[in-house]
Amino acid sequence: MSTARAVVLALHGLGHDEATARAMFEPALSPGMVMETLAGRFESPTGAGGGRLWFQVDFADGRPAAGPRLDQEAASRAAIIERAIAIRRRIGDTPLILLGFGQGGVVALTALIERPELFTACGIASGRLLEPAIKALPIVPRHCGKPVFWAHGRNDPIIGHELAQQGQAALGRYAMTITAFDHDGGHELPDAVIASLRMWLSDRVASEGS
Protein backbone atom coordinates (compact mmCIF):
# COMPACT_ATOMS: atom_id res chain seq x y z
CA MET A 1 0.00 0.00 0.00
CA SER A 2 1.32 3.43 -0.92
CA THR A 3 2.23 5.96 1.77
CA ALA A 4 1.64 8.82 -0.69
CA ARG A 5 -1.49 10.95 -0.40
CA ALA A 6 -1.85 10.65 -4.16
CA VAL A 7 0.11 9.62 -7.23
CA VAL A 8 0.08 11.90 -10.27
CA LEU A 9 0.97 10.50 -13.70
CA ALA A 10 2.08 13.43 -15.87
CA LEU A 11 2.20 13.39 -19.67
CA HIS A 12 4.23 15.90 -21.69
CA GLY A 13 3.25 17.77 -24.83
CA LEU A 14 4.32 17.21 -28.43
CA GLY A 15 8.07 17.52 -28.85
CA HIS A 16 8.67 17.60 -25.09
CA ASP A 17 9.88 14.91 -22.68
CA GLU A 18 9.45 13.57 -19.16
CA ALA A 19 11.61 16.31 -17.65
CA THR A 20 9.37 18.92 -19.26
CA ALA A 21 6.26 17.30 -17.79
CA ARG A 22 7.82 17.20 -14.34
CA ALA A 23 8.95 20.83 -14.48
CA MET A 24 5.55 21.92 -15.76
CA PHE A 25 3.26 20.10 -13.31
CA GLU A 26 5.33 19.62 -10.16
CA PRO A 27 4.57 23.14 -8.84
CA ALA A 28 0.88 22.15 -8.70
CA LEU A 29 1.50 19.29 -6.28
CA SER A 30 0.88 19.59 -2.55
CA PRO A 31 3.04 17.84 0.06
CA GLY A 32 2.51 14.10 0.04
CA MET A 33 1.66 13.90 -3.66
CA VAL A 34 4.10 11.85 -5.73
CA MET A 35 4.68 12.44 -9.45
CA GLU A 36 5.49 9.83 -12.05
CA THR A 37 6.05 10.58 -15.73
CA LEU A 38 5.88 8.69 -18.98
CA ALA A 39 7.59 9.47 -22.28
CA GLY A 40 5.79 9.55 -25.60
CA ARG A 41 6.30 6.38 -27.62
CA PHE A 42 7.45 8.10 -30.79
CA GLU A 43 10.25 10.44 -31.81
CA SER A 44 9.43 13.84 -33.23
CA PRO A 45 10.13 14.03 -36.96
CA THR A 46 13.42 15.53 -38.06
CA GLY A 47 13.16 19.28 -38.01
CA ALA A 48 10.34 19.33 -35.47
CA GLY A 49 12.61 20.34 -32.61
CA GLY A 50 13.32 16.91 -31.13
CA GLY A 51 11.64 15.43 -28.12
CA ARG A 52 8.87 12.83 -28.10
CA LEU A 53 5.28 12.63 -29.26
CA TRP A 54 2.26 10.46 -28.53
CA PHE A 55 1.07 10.37 -32.12
CA GLN A 56 2.03 12.03 -35.36
CA VAL A 57 -0.14 14.84 -36.62
CA ASP A 58 0.31 17.19 -39.54
CA PHE A 59 0.08 20.93 -38.98
CA ALA A 60 -1.51 23.53 -41.21
CA ASP A 61 -1.03 27.21 -40.38
CA GLY A 62 0.52 26.20 -37.07
CA ARG A 63 -2.50 24.13 -35.94
CA PRO A 64 -3.16 20.38 -35.98
CA ALA A 65 -4.71 19.36 -39.29
CA ALA A 66 -7.11 16.53 -39.99
CA GLY A 67 -5.83 12.98 -40.07
CA PRO A 68 -3.87 12.29 -36.84
CA ARG A 69 -2.25 8.85 -36.67
CA LEU A 70 -4.96 7.03 -34.76
CA ASP A 71 -2.93 3.81 -34.66
CA GLN A 72 -0.17 5.66 -32.84
CA GLU A 73 -2.64 7.29 -30.49
CA ALA A 74 -4.09 3.87 -29.66
CA ALA A 75 -0.60 2.48 -28.98
CA SER A 76 0.22 5.43 -26.74
CA ARG A 77 -3.09 5.12 -24.91
CA ALA A 78 -2.39 1.42 -24.32
CA ALA A 79 1.02 2.28 -22.85
CA ILE A 80 -0.54 4.85 -20.51
CA ILE A 81 -3.16 2.36 -19.38
CA GLU A 82 -0.51 -0.32 -18.86
CA ARG A 83 1.49 2.07 -16.69
CA ALA A 84 -1.64 3.06 -14.76
CA ILE A 85 -2.50 -0.59 -14.09
CA ALA A 86 1.01 -1.15 -12.71
CA ILE A 87 0.72 1.91 -10.49
CA ARG A 88 -2.75 0.91 -9.32
CA ARG A 89 -1.49 -2.53 -8.29
CA ARG A 90 1.23 -0.86 -6.26
CA ILE A 91 -0.83 1.84 -4.55
CA GLY A 92 -4.20 0.16 -4.01
CA ASP A 93 -6.96 2.69 -3.37
CA THR A 94 -4.64 5.71 -3.17
CA PRO A 95 -5.83 8.41 -5.59
CA LEU A 96 -4.24 8.19 -9.04
CA ILE A 97 -4.62 11.38 -11.06
CA LEU A 98 -3.71 11.75 -14.72
CA LEU A 99 -2.33 15.09 -15.95
CA GLY A 100 -1.43 16.08 -19.49
CA PHE A 101 -0.36 19.15 -21.45
CA GLY A 102 -1.09 19.65 -25.16
CA GLN A 103 -0.93 16.31 -26.93
CA GLY A 104 -0.39 14.70 -23.52
CA GLY A 105 -3.78 16.09 -22.58
CA VAL A 106 -5.31 14.52 -25.67
CA VAL A 107 -4.14 11.01 -24.78
CA ALA A 108 -4.93 11.60 -21.10
CA LEU A 109 -8.58 12.14 -22.03
CA THR A 110 -8.76 9.09 -24.29
CA ALA A 111 -7.14 6.91 -21.60
CA LEU A 112 -9.61 8.22 -19.02
CA ILE A 113 -12.56 7.48 -21.28
CA GLU A 114 -11.35 3.95 -22.05
CA ARG A 115 -10.52 2.99 -18.46
CA PRO A 116 -12.23 5.40 -16.04
CA GLU A 117 -11.95 2.93 -13.16
CA LEU A 118 -8.16 3.31 -13.10
CA PHE A 119 -8.10 7.06 -12.51
CA THR A 120 -9.46 9.16 -9.69
CA ALA A 121 -9.48 12.29 -11.86
CA CYS A 122 -7.85 13.86 -14.91
CA GLY A 123 -6.44 17.34 -15.47
CA ILE A 124 -5.38 18.74 -18.83
CA ALA A 125 -4.13 22.03 -20.21
CA SER A 126 -4.10 23.21 -23.83
CA GLY A 127 -5.51 19.89 -25.04
CA ARG A 128 -8.45 18.70 -27.09
CA LEU A 129 -10.81 15.76 -27.32
CA LEU A 130 -9.84 13.46 -30.19
CA GLU A 131 -13.33 12.31 -31.19
CA PRO A 132 -12.26 9.73 -33.82
CA ALA A 133 -10.23 7.93 -31.16
CA ILE A 134 -13.12 7.54 -28.72
CA LYS A 135 -16.10 6.96 -30.98
CA ALA A 136 -15.93 3.19 -30.42
CA LEU A 137 -15.53 3.46 -26.63
CA PRO A 138 -18.79 2.86 -24.74
CA ILE A 139 -20.22 5.16 -22.11
CA VAL A 140 -20.15 3.37 -18.76
CA PRO A 141 -21.45 4.23 -15.27
CA ARG A 142 -17.92 4.95 -14.00
CA HIS A 143 -17.74 7.97 -16.30
CA CYS A 144 -20.50 9.67 -14.35
CA GLY A 145 -19.15 12.36 -12.04
CA LYS A 146 -15.50 11.69 -12.91
CA PRO A 147 -13.66 14.98 -12.21
CA VAL A 148 -11.90 16.65 -15.15
CA PHE A 149 -9.92 19.90 -14.91
CA TRP A 150 -9.56 21.61 -18.31
CA ALA A 151 -7.44 24.74 -18.65
CA HIS A 152 -7.11 26.51 -21.99
CA GLY A 153 -5.83 29.79 -23.32
CA ARG A 154 -8.29 32.01 -25.17
CA ASN A 155 -5.42 32.97 -27.49
CA ASP A 156 -3.94 29.49 -28.01
CA PRO A 157 -2.42 29.59 -31.52
CA ILE A 158 -1.97 25.80 -31.76
CA ILE A 159 -5.10 24.24 -30.30
CA GLY A 160 -7.73 26.93 -30.59
CA HIS A 161 -9.97 27.79 -27.67
CA GLU A 162 -12.99 26.74 -29.72
CA LEU A 163 -11.65 23.16 -29.70
CA ALA A 164 -11.60 23.21 -25.91
CA GLN A 165 -15.20 24.38 -25.87
CA GLN A 166 -16.21 21.69 -28.34
CA GLY A 167 -14.39 19.01 -26.35
CA GLN A 168 -15.96 20.04 -23.06
CA ALA A 169 -19.40 19.99 -24.65
CA ALA A 170 -18.74 16.53 -26.09
CA LEU A 171 -17.68 15.25 -22.68
CA GLY A 172 -21.17 16.14 -21.50
CA ARG A 173 -22.48 12.85 -22.83
CA TYR A 174 -20.24 11.05 -20.33
CA ALA A 175 -21.70 13.08 -17.43
CA MET A 176 -18.24 13.89 -16.12
CA THR A 177 -17.76 16.81 -13.73
CA ILE A 178 -15.76 19.42 -15.65
CA THR A 179 -13.90 22.32 -14.06
CA ALA A 180 -13.04 24.71 -16.90
CA PHE A 181 -10.33 27.32 -16.42
CA ASP A 182 -9.97 29.75 -19.31
CA HIS A 183 -7.10 32.21 -19.31
CA ASP A 184 -5.94 35.00 -21.60
CA GLY A 185 -2.69 33.30 -22.56
CA GLY A 186 -1.76 30.98 -25.40
CA HIS A 187 -0.43 27.42 -25.56
CA GLU A 188 1.05 27.48 -22.07
CA LEU A 189 0.57 26.77 -18.38
CA PRO A 190 0.62 30.16 -16.63
CA ASP A 191 0.94 30.64 -12.87
CA ALA A 192 -2.79 31.23 -12.46
CA VAL A 193 -3.53 27.80 -13.92
CA ILE A 194 -0.94 26.17 -11.67
CA ALA A 195 -2.54 27.78 -8.61
CA SER A 196 -6.02 26.65 -9.64
CA LEU A 197 -4.81 23.16 -10.53
CA ARG A 198 -3.05 22.87 -7.17
CA MET A 199 -6.29 23.69 -5.35
CA TRP A 200 -8.27 21.30 -7.55
CA LEU A 201 -5.80 18.46 -6.92
CA SER A 202 -5.90 19.05 -3.17
CA ASP A 203 -9.70 19.03 -3.23
CA ARG A 204 -9.79 15.77 -5.19
CA VAL A 205 -7.45 14.06 -2.74
CA ALA A 206 -9.34 15.43 0.26
CA SER A 207 -12.67 14.24 -1.12
CA GLU A 208 -11.27 10.75 -1.69
CA GLY A 209 -10.02 10.59 1.89
CA SER A 210 -13.24 11.81 3.50
C-alpha atoms as a PDB file:
ATOM      1  CA  MET A   1       0.000   0.000   0.000  1.00  0.00           C
ATOM      2  CA  SER A   2       1.325   3.431  -0.920  1.00  0.00           C
ATOM      3  CA  THR A   3       2.228   5.956   1.774  1.00  0.00           C
ATOM      4  CA  ALA A   4       1.644   8.823  -0.685  1.00  0.00           C
ATOM      5  CA  ARG A   5      -1.489  10.947  -0.397  1.00  0.00           C
ATOM      6  CA  ALA A   6      -1.849  10.649  -4.155  1.00  0.00           C
ATOM      7  CA  VAL A   7       0.107   9.618  -7.230  1.00  0.00           C
ATOM      8  CA  VAL A   8       0.085  11.903 -10.266  1.00  0.00           C
ATOM      9  CA  LEU A   9       0.972  10.496 -13.695  1.00  0.00           C
ATOM     10  CA  ALA A  10       2.078  13.432 -15.869  1.00  0.00           C
ATOM     11  CA  LEU A  11       2.201  13.388 -19.671  1.00  0.00           C
ATOM     12  CA  HIS A  12       4.225  15.900 -21.694  1.00  0.00           C
ATOM     13  CA  GLY A  13       3.248  17.773 -24.826  1.00  0.00           C
ATOM     14  CA  LEU A  14       4.315  17.215 -28.425  1.00  0.00           C
ATOM     15  CA  GLY A  15       8.073  17.521 -28.848  1.00  0.00           C
ATOM     16  CA  HIS A  16       8.674  17.596 -25.087  1.00  0.00           C
ATOM     17  CA  ASP A  17       9.884  14.907 -22.681  1.00  0.00           C
ATOM     18  CA  GLU A  18       9.447  13.572 -19.161  1.00  0.00           C
ATOM     19  CA  ALA A  19      11.605  16.307 -17.649  1.00  0.00           C
ATOM     20  CA  THR A  20       9.366  18.920 -19.259  1.00  0.00           C
ATOM     21  CA  ALA A  21       6.260  17.300 -17.792  1.00  0.00           C
ATOM     22  CA  ARG A  22       7.818  17.196 -14.338  1.00  0.00           C
ATOM     23  CA  ALA A  23       8.953  20.832 -14.476  1.00  0.00           C
ATOM     24  CA  MET A  24       5.546  21.915 -15.756  1.00  0.00           C
ATOM     25  CA  PHE A  25       3.262  20.098 -13.305  1.00  0.00           C
ATOM     26  CA  GLU A  26       5.327  19.617 -10.160  1.00  0.00           C
ATOM     27  CA  PRO A  27       4.567  23.145  -8.836  1.00  0.00           C
ATOM     28  CA  ALA A  28       0.877  22.151  -8.701  1.00  0.00           C
ATOM     29  CA  LEU A  29       1.497  19.290  -6.279  1.00  0.00           C
ATOM     30  CA  SER A  30       0.876  19.591  -2.548  1.00  0.00           C
ATOM     31  CA  PRO A  31       3.042  17.840   0.060  1.00  0.00           C
ATOM     32  CA  GLY A  32       2.514  14.104   0.041  1.00  0.00           C
ATOM     33  CA  MET A  33       1.663  13.899  -3.659  1.00  0.00           C
ATOM     34  CA  VAL A  34       4.098  11.854  -5.732  1.00  0.00           C
ATOM     35  CA  MET A  35       4.676  12.439  -9.448  1.00  0.00           C
ATOM     36  CA  GLU A  36       5.485   9.832 -12.048  1.00  0.00           C
ATOM     37  CA  THR A  37       6.054  10.577 -15.726  1.00  0.00           C
ATOM     38  CA  LEU A  38       5.883   8.690 -18.984  1.00  0.00           C
ATOM     39  CA  ALA A  39       7.595   9.466 -22.278  1.00  0.00           C
ATOM     40  CA  GLY A  40       5.791   9.549 -25.603  1.00  0.00           C
ATOM     41  CA  ARG A  41       6.300   6.376 -27.623  1.00  0.00           C
ATOM     42  CA  PHE A  42       7.447   8.103 -30.790  1.00  0.00           C
ATOM     43  CA  GLU A  43      10.252  10.438 -31.812  1.00  0.00           C
ATOM     44  CA  SER A  44       9.433  13.836 -33.230  1.00  0.00           C
ATOM     45  CA  PRO A  45      10.131  14.025 -36.962  1.00  0.00           C
ATOM     46  CA  THR A  46      13.423  15.527 -38.063  1.00  0.00           C
ATOM     47  CA  GLY A  47      13.164  19.284 -38.012  1.00  0.00           C
ATOM     48  CA  ALA A  48      10.338  19.329 -35.465  1.00  0.00           C
ATOM     49  CA  GLY A  49      12.605  20.335 -32.615  1.00  0.00           C
ATOM     50  CA  GLY A  50      13.323  16.906 -31.131  1.00  0.00           C
ATOM     51  CA  GLY A  51      11.640  15.435 -28.118  1.00  0.00           C
ATOM     52  CA  ARG A  52       8.874  12.832 -28.104  1.00  0.00           C
ATOM     53  CA  LEU A  53       5.284  12.634 -29.264  1.00  0.00           C
ATOM     54  CA  TRP A  54       2.262  10.456 -28.532  1.00  0.00           C
ATOM     55  CA  PHE A  55       1.066  10.370 -32.116  1.00  0.00           C
ATOM     56  CA  GLN A  56       2.026  12.031 -35.360  1.00  0.00           C
ATOM     57  CA  VAL A  57      -0.139  14.845 -36.618  1.00  0.00           C
ATOM     58  CA  ASP A  58       0.311  17.189 -39.542  1.00  0.00           C
ATOM     59  CA  PHE A  59       0.080  20.929 -38.984  1.00  0.00           C
ATOM     60  CA  ALA A  60      -1.511  23.528 -41.206  1.00  0.00           C
ATOM     61  CA  ASP A  61      -1.029  27.208 -40.384  1.00  0.00           C
ATOM     62  CA  GLY A  62       0.522  26.196 -37.074  1.00  0.00           C
ATOM     63  CA  ARG A  63      -2.498  24.131 -35.942  1.00  0.00           C
ATOM     64  CA  PRO A  64      -3.158  20.382 -35.981  1.00  0.00           C
ATOM     65  CA  ALA A  65      -4.708  19.362 -39.290  1.00  0.00           C
ATOM     66  CA  ALA A  66      -7.110  16.529 -39.985  1.00  0.00           C
ATOM     67  CA  GLY A  67      -5.830  12.978 -40.067  1.00  0.00           C
ATOM     68  CA  PRO A  68      -3.866  12.286 -36.844  1.00  0.00           C
ATOM     69  CA  ARG A  69      -2.249   8.847 -36.672  1.00  0.00           C
ATOM     70  CA  LEU A  70      -4.960   7.032 -34.757  1.00  0.00           C
ATOM     71  CA  ASP A  71      -2.932   3.807 -34.663  1.00  0.00           C
ATOM     72  CA  GLN A  72      -0.166   5.658 -32.844  1.00  0.00           C
ATOM     73  CA  GLU A  73      -2.644   7.288 -30.486  1.00  0.00           C
ATOM     74  CA  ALA A  74      -4.090   3.872 -29.665  1.00  0.00           C
ATOM     75  CA  ALA A  75      -0.604   2.478 -28.979  1.00  0.00           C
ATOM     76  CA  SER A  76       0.221   5.433 -26.742  1.00  0.00           C
ATOM     77  CA  ARG A  77      -3.089   5.122 -24.912  1.00  0.00           C
ATOM     78  CA  ALA A  78      -2.388   1.420 -24.322  1.00  0.00           C
ATOM     79  CA  ALA A  79       1.023   2.279 -22.854  1.00  0.00           C
ATOM     80  CA  ILE A  80      -0.538   4.853 -20.511  1.00  0.00           C
ATOM     81  CA  ILE A  81      -3.163   2.358 -19.377  1.00  0.00           C
ATOM     82  CA  GLU A  82      -0.506  -0.324 -18.862  1.00  0.00           C
ATOM     83  CA  ARG A  83       1.489   2.069 -16.687  1.00  0.00           C
ATOM     84  CA  ALA A  84      -1.645   3.056 -14.758  1.00  0.00           C
ATOM     85  CA  ILE A  85      -2.498  -0.593 -14.093  1.00  0.00           C
ATOM     86  CA  ALA A  86       1.005  -1.151 -12.710  1.00  0.00           C
ATOM     87  CA  ILE A  87       0.722   1.908 -10.489  1.00  0.00           C
ATOM     88  CA  ARG A  88      -2.747   0.914  -9.321  1.00  0.00           C
ATOM     89  CA  ARG A  89      -1.493  -2.532  -8.289  1.00  0.00           C
ATOM     90  CA  ARG A  90       1.228  -0.858  -6.258  1.00  0.00           C
ATOM     91  CA  ILE A  91      -0.830   1.841  -4.553  1.00  0.00           C
ATOM     92  CA  GLY A  92      -4.199   0.162  -4.006  1.00  0.00           C
ATOM     93  CA  ASP A  93      -6.961   2.688  -3.374  1.00  0.00           C
ATOM     94  CA  THR A  94      -4.639   5.709  -3.169  1.00  0.00           C
ATOM     95  CA  PRO A  95      -5.832   8.414  -5.589  1.00  0.00           C
ATOM     96  CA  LEU A  96      -4.241   8.194  -9.040  1.00  0.00           C
ATOM     97  CA  ILE A  97      -4.617  11.384 -11.062  1.00  0.00           C
ATOM     98  CA  LEU A  98      -3.705  11.753 -14.723  1.00  0.00           C
ATOM     99  CA  LEU A  99      -2.330  15.093 -15.951  1.00  0.00           C
ATOM    100  CA  GLY A 100      -1.434  16.082 -19.494  1.00  0.00           C
ATOM    101  CA  PHE A 101      -0.361  19.148 -21.452  1.00  0.00           C
ATOM    102  CA  GLY A 102      -1.094  19.650 -25.157  1.00  0.00           C
ATOM    103  CA  GLN A 103      -0.926  16.313 -26.930  1.00  0.00           C
ATOM    104  CA  GLY A 104      -0.388  14.704 -23.518  1.00  0.00           C
ATOM    105  CA  GLY A 105      -3.779  16.089 -22.575  1.00  0.00           C
ATOM    106  CA  VAL A 106      -5.309  14.521 -25.667  1.00  0.00           C
ATOM    107  CA  VAL A 107      -4.140  11.009 -24.776  1.00  0.00           C
ATOM    108  CA  ALA A 108      -4.931  11.595 -21.101  1.00  0.00           C
ATOM    109  CA  LEU A 109      -8.579  12.137 -22.031  1.00  0.00           C
ATOM    110  CA  THR A 110      -8.764   9.089 -24.291  1.00  0.00           C
ATOM    111  CA  ALA A 111      -7.136   6.908 -21.595  1.00  0.00           C
ATOM    112  CA  LEU A 112      -9.606   8.219 -19.023  1.00  0.00           C
ATOM    113  CA  ILE A 113     -12.558   7.480 -21.280  1.00  0.00           C
ATOM    114  CA  GLU A 114     -11.351   3.953 -22.055  1.00  0.00           C
ATOM    115  CA  ARG A 115     -10.519   2.987 -18.456  1.00  0.00           C
ATOM    116  CA  PRO A 116     -12.226   5.403 -16.036  1.00  0.00           C
ATOM    117  CA  GLU A 117     -11.952   2.932 -13.165  1.00  0.00           C
ATOM    118  CA  LEU A 118      -8.159   3.308 -13.097  1.00  0.00           C
ATOM    119  CA  PHE A 119      -8.103   7.059 -12.514  1.00  0.00           C
ATOM    120  CA  THR A 120      -9.464   9.162  -9.693  1.00  0.00           C
ATOM    121  CA  ALA A 121      -9.476  12.289 -11.864  1.00  0.00           C
ATOM    122  CA  CYS A 122      -7.846  13.859 -14.911  1.00  0.00           C
ATOM    123  CA  GLY A 123      -6.438  17.341 -15.466  1.00  0.00           C
ATOM    124  CA  ILE A 124      -5.380  18.738 -18.826  1.00  0.00           C
ATOM    125  CA  ALA A 125      -4.128  22.031 -20.206  1.00  0.00           C
ATOM    126  CA  SER A 126      -4.097  23.208 -23.827  1.00  0.00           C
ATOM    127  CA  GLY A 127      -5.513  19.893 -25.038  1.00  0.00           C
ATOM    128  CA  ARG A 128      -8.449  18.700 -27.092  1.00  0.00           C
ATOM    129  CA  LEU A 129     -10.811  15.755 -27.321  1.00  0.00           C
ATOM    130  CA  LEU A 130      -9.845  13.456 -30.190  1.00  0.00           C
ATOM    131  CA  GLU A 131     -13.330  12.313 -31.189  1.00  0.00           C
ATOM    132  CA  PRO A 132     -12.258   9.728 -33.825  1.00  0.00           C
ATOM    133  CA  ALA A 133     -10.226   7.925 -31.159  1.00  0.00           C
ATOM    134  CA  ILE A 134     -13.121   7.536 -28.719  1.00  0.00           C
ATOM    135  CA  LYS A 135     -16.104   6.958 -30.983  1.00  0.00           C
ATOM    136  CA  ALA A 136     -15.926   3.187 -30.416  1.00  0.00           C
ATOM    137  CA  LEU A 137     -15.534   3.460 -26.627  1.00  0.00           C
ATOM    138  CA  PRO A 138     -18.793   2.857 -24.742  1.00  0.00           C
ATOM    139  CA  ILE A 139     -20.224   5.161 -22.112  1.00  0.00           C
ATOM    140  CA  VAL A 140     -20.151   3.368 -18.757  1.00  0.00           C
ATOM    141  CA  PRO A 141     -21.447   4.229 -15.268  1.00  0.00           C
ATOM    142  CA  ARG A 142     -17.916   4.945 -13.998  1.00  0.00           C
ATOM    143  CA  HIS A 143     -17.741   7.969 -16.303  1.00  0.00           C
ATOM    144  CA  CYS A 144     -20.499   9.666 -14.348  1.00  0.00           C
ATOM    145  CA  GLY A 145     -19.155  12.362 -12.040  1.00  0.00           C
ATOM    146  CA  LYS A 146     -15.497  11.691 -12.912  1.00  0.00           C
ATOM    147  CA  PRO A 147     -13.657  14.984 -12.206  1.00  0.00           C
ATOM    148  CA  VAL A 148     -11.902  16.654 -15.147  1.00  0.00           C
ATOM    149  CA  PHE A 149      -9.917  19.901 -14.913  1.00  0.00           C
ATOM    150  CA  TRP A 150      -9.561  21.607 -18.310  1.00  0.00           C
ATOM    151  CA  ALA A 151      -7.444  24.740 -18.655  1.00  0.00           C
ATOM    152  CA  HIS A 152      -7.112  26.511 -21.990  1.00  0.00           C
ATOM    153  CA  GLY A 153      -5.829  29.794 -23.325  1.00  0.00           C
ATOM    154  CA  ARG A 154      -8.289  32.006 -25.168  1.00  0.00           C
ATOM    155  CA  ASN A 155      -5.417  32.968 -27.492  1.00  0.00           C
ATOM    156  CA  ASP A 156      -3.942  29.493 -28.009  1.00  0.00           C
ATOM    157  CA  PRO A 157      -2.424  29.586 -31.524  1.00  0.00           C
ATOM    158  CA  ILE A 158      -1.966  25.796 -31.756  1.00  0.00           C
ATOM    159  CA  ILE A 159      -5.105  24.238 -30.300  1.00  0.00           C
ATOM    160  CA  GLY A 160      -7.731  26.933 -30.589  1.00  0.00           C
ATOM    161  CA  HIS A 161      -9.970  27.789 -27.674  1.00  0.00           C
ATOM    162  CA  GLU A 162     -12.994  26.735 -29.723  1.00  0.00           C
ATOM    163  CA  LEU A 163     -11.648  23.159 -29.702  1.00  0.00           C
ATOM    164  CA  ALA A 164     -11.598  23.206 -25.911  1.00  0.00           C
ATOM    165  CA  GLN A 165     -15.198  24.381 -25.866  1.00  0.00           C
ATOM    166  CA  GLN A 166     -16.212  21.690 -28.340  1.00  0.00           C
ATOM    167  CA  GLY A 167     -14.393  19.014 -26.354  1.00  0.00           C
ATOM    168  CA  GLN A 168     -15.957  20.042 -23.063  1.00  0.00           C
ATOM    169  CA  ALA A 169     -19.396  19.991 -24.647  1.00  0.00           C
ATOM    170  CA  ALA A 170     -18.742  16.533 -26.088  1.00  0.00           C
ATOM    171  CA  LEU A 171     -17.677  15.253 -22.676  1.00  0.00           C
ATOM    172  CA  GLY A 172     -21.172  16.143 -21.503  1.00  0.00           C
ATOM    173  CA  ARG A 173     -22.483  12.848 -22.834  1.00  0.00           C
ATOM    174  CA  TYR A 174     -20.238  11.052 -20.333  1.00  0.00           C
ATOM    175  CA  ALA A 175     -21.702  13.083 -17.433  1.00  0.00           C
ATOM    176  CA  MET A 176     -18.241  13.892 -16.120  1.00  0.00           C
ATOM    177  CA  THR A 177     -17.757  16.807 -13.727  1.00  0.00           C
ATOM    178  CA  ILE A 178     -15.764  19.419 -15.646  1.00  0.00           C
ATOM    179  CA  THR A 179     -13.905  22.318 -14.063  1.00  0.00           C
ATOM    180  CA  ALA A 180     -13.037  24.713 -16.899  1.00  0.00           C
ATOM    181  CA  PHE A 181     -10.329  27.324 -16.424  1.00  0.00           C
ATOM    182  CA  ASP A 182      -9.974  29.748 -19.309  1.00  0.00           C
ATOM    183  CA  HIS A 183      -7.096  32.208 -19.315  1.00  0.00           C
ATOM    184  CA  ASP A 184      -5.938  35.000 -21.598  1.00  0.00           C
ATOM    185  CA  GLY A 185      -2.686  33.295 -22.563  1.00  0.00           C
ATOM    186  CA  GLY A 186      -1.758  30.975 -25.397  1.00  0.00           C
ATOM    187  CA  HIS A 187      -0.427  27.417 -25.556  1.00  0.00           C
ATOM    188  CA  GLU A 188       1.055  27.482 -22.071  1.00  0.00           C
ATOM    189  CA  LEU A 189       0.571  26.766 -18.384  1.00  0.00           C
ATOM    190  CA  PRO A 190       0.617  30.165 -16.627  1.00  0.00           C
ATOM    191  CA  ASP A 191       0.936  30.643 -12.866  1.00  0.00           C
ATOM    192  CA  ALA A 192      -2.793  31.233 -12.458  1.00  0.00           C
ATOM    193  CA  VAL A 193      -3.526  27.800 -13.920  1.00  0.00           C
ATOM    194  CA  ILE A 194      -0.944  26.169 -11.666  1.00  0.00           C
ATOM    195  CA  ALA A 195      -2.538  27.781  -8.611  1.00  0.00           C
ATOM    196  CA  SER A 196      -6.017  26.654  -9.636  1.00  0.00           C
ATOM    197  CA  LEU A 197      -4.810  23.162 -10.525  1.00  0.00           C
ATOM    198  CA  ARG A 198      -3.047  22.874  -7.169  1.00  0.00           C
ATOM    199  CA  MET A 199      -6.287  23.690  -5.351  1.00  0.00           C
ATOM    200  CA  TRP A 200      -8.274  21.302  -7.554  1.00  0.00           C
ATOM    201  CA  LEU A 201      -5.804  18.460  -6.922  1.00  0.00           C
ATOM    202  CA  SER A 202      -5.904  19.050  -3.170  1.00  0.00           C
ATOM    203  CA  ASP A 203      -9.699  19.028  -3.225  1.00  0.00           C
ATOM    204  CA  ARG A 204      -9.794  15.773  -5.188  1.00  0.00           C
ATOM    205  CA  VAL A 205      -7.450  14.062  -2.736  1.00  0.00           C
ATOM    206  CA  ALA A 206      -9.339  15.428   0.263  1.00  0.00           C
ATOM    207  CA  SER A 207     -12.674  14.240  -1.119  1.00  0.00           C
ATOM    208  CA  GLU A 208     -11.274  10.751  -1.690  1.00  0.00           C
ATOM    209  CA  GLY A 209     -10.023  10.591   1.885  1.00  0.00           C
ATOM    210  CA  SER A 210     -13.242  11.807   3.496  1.00  0.00           C
END
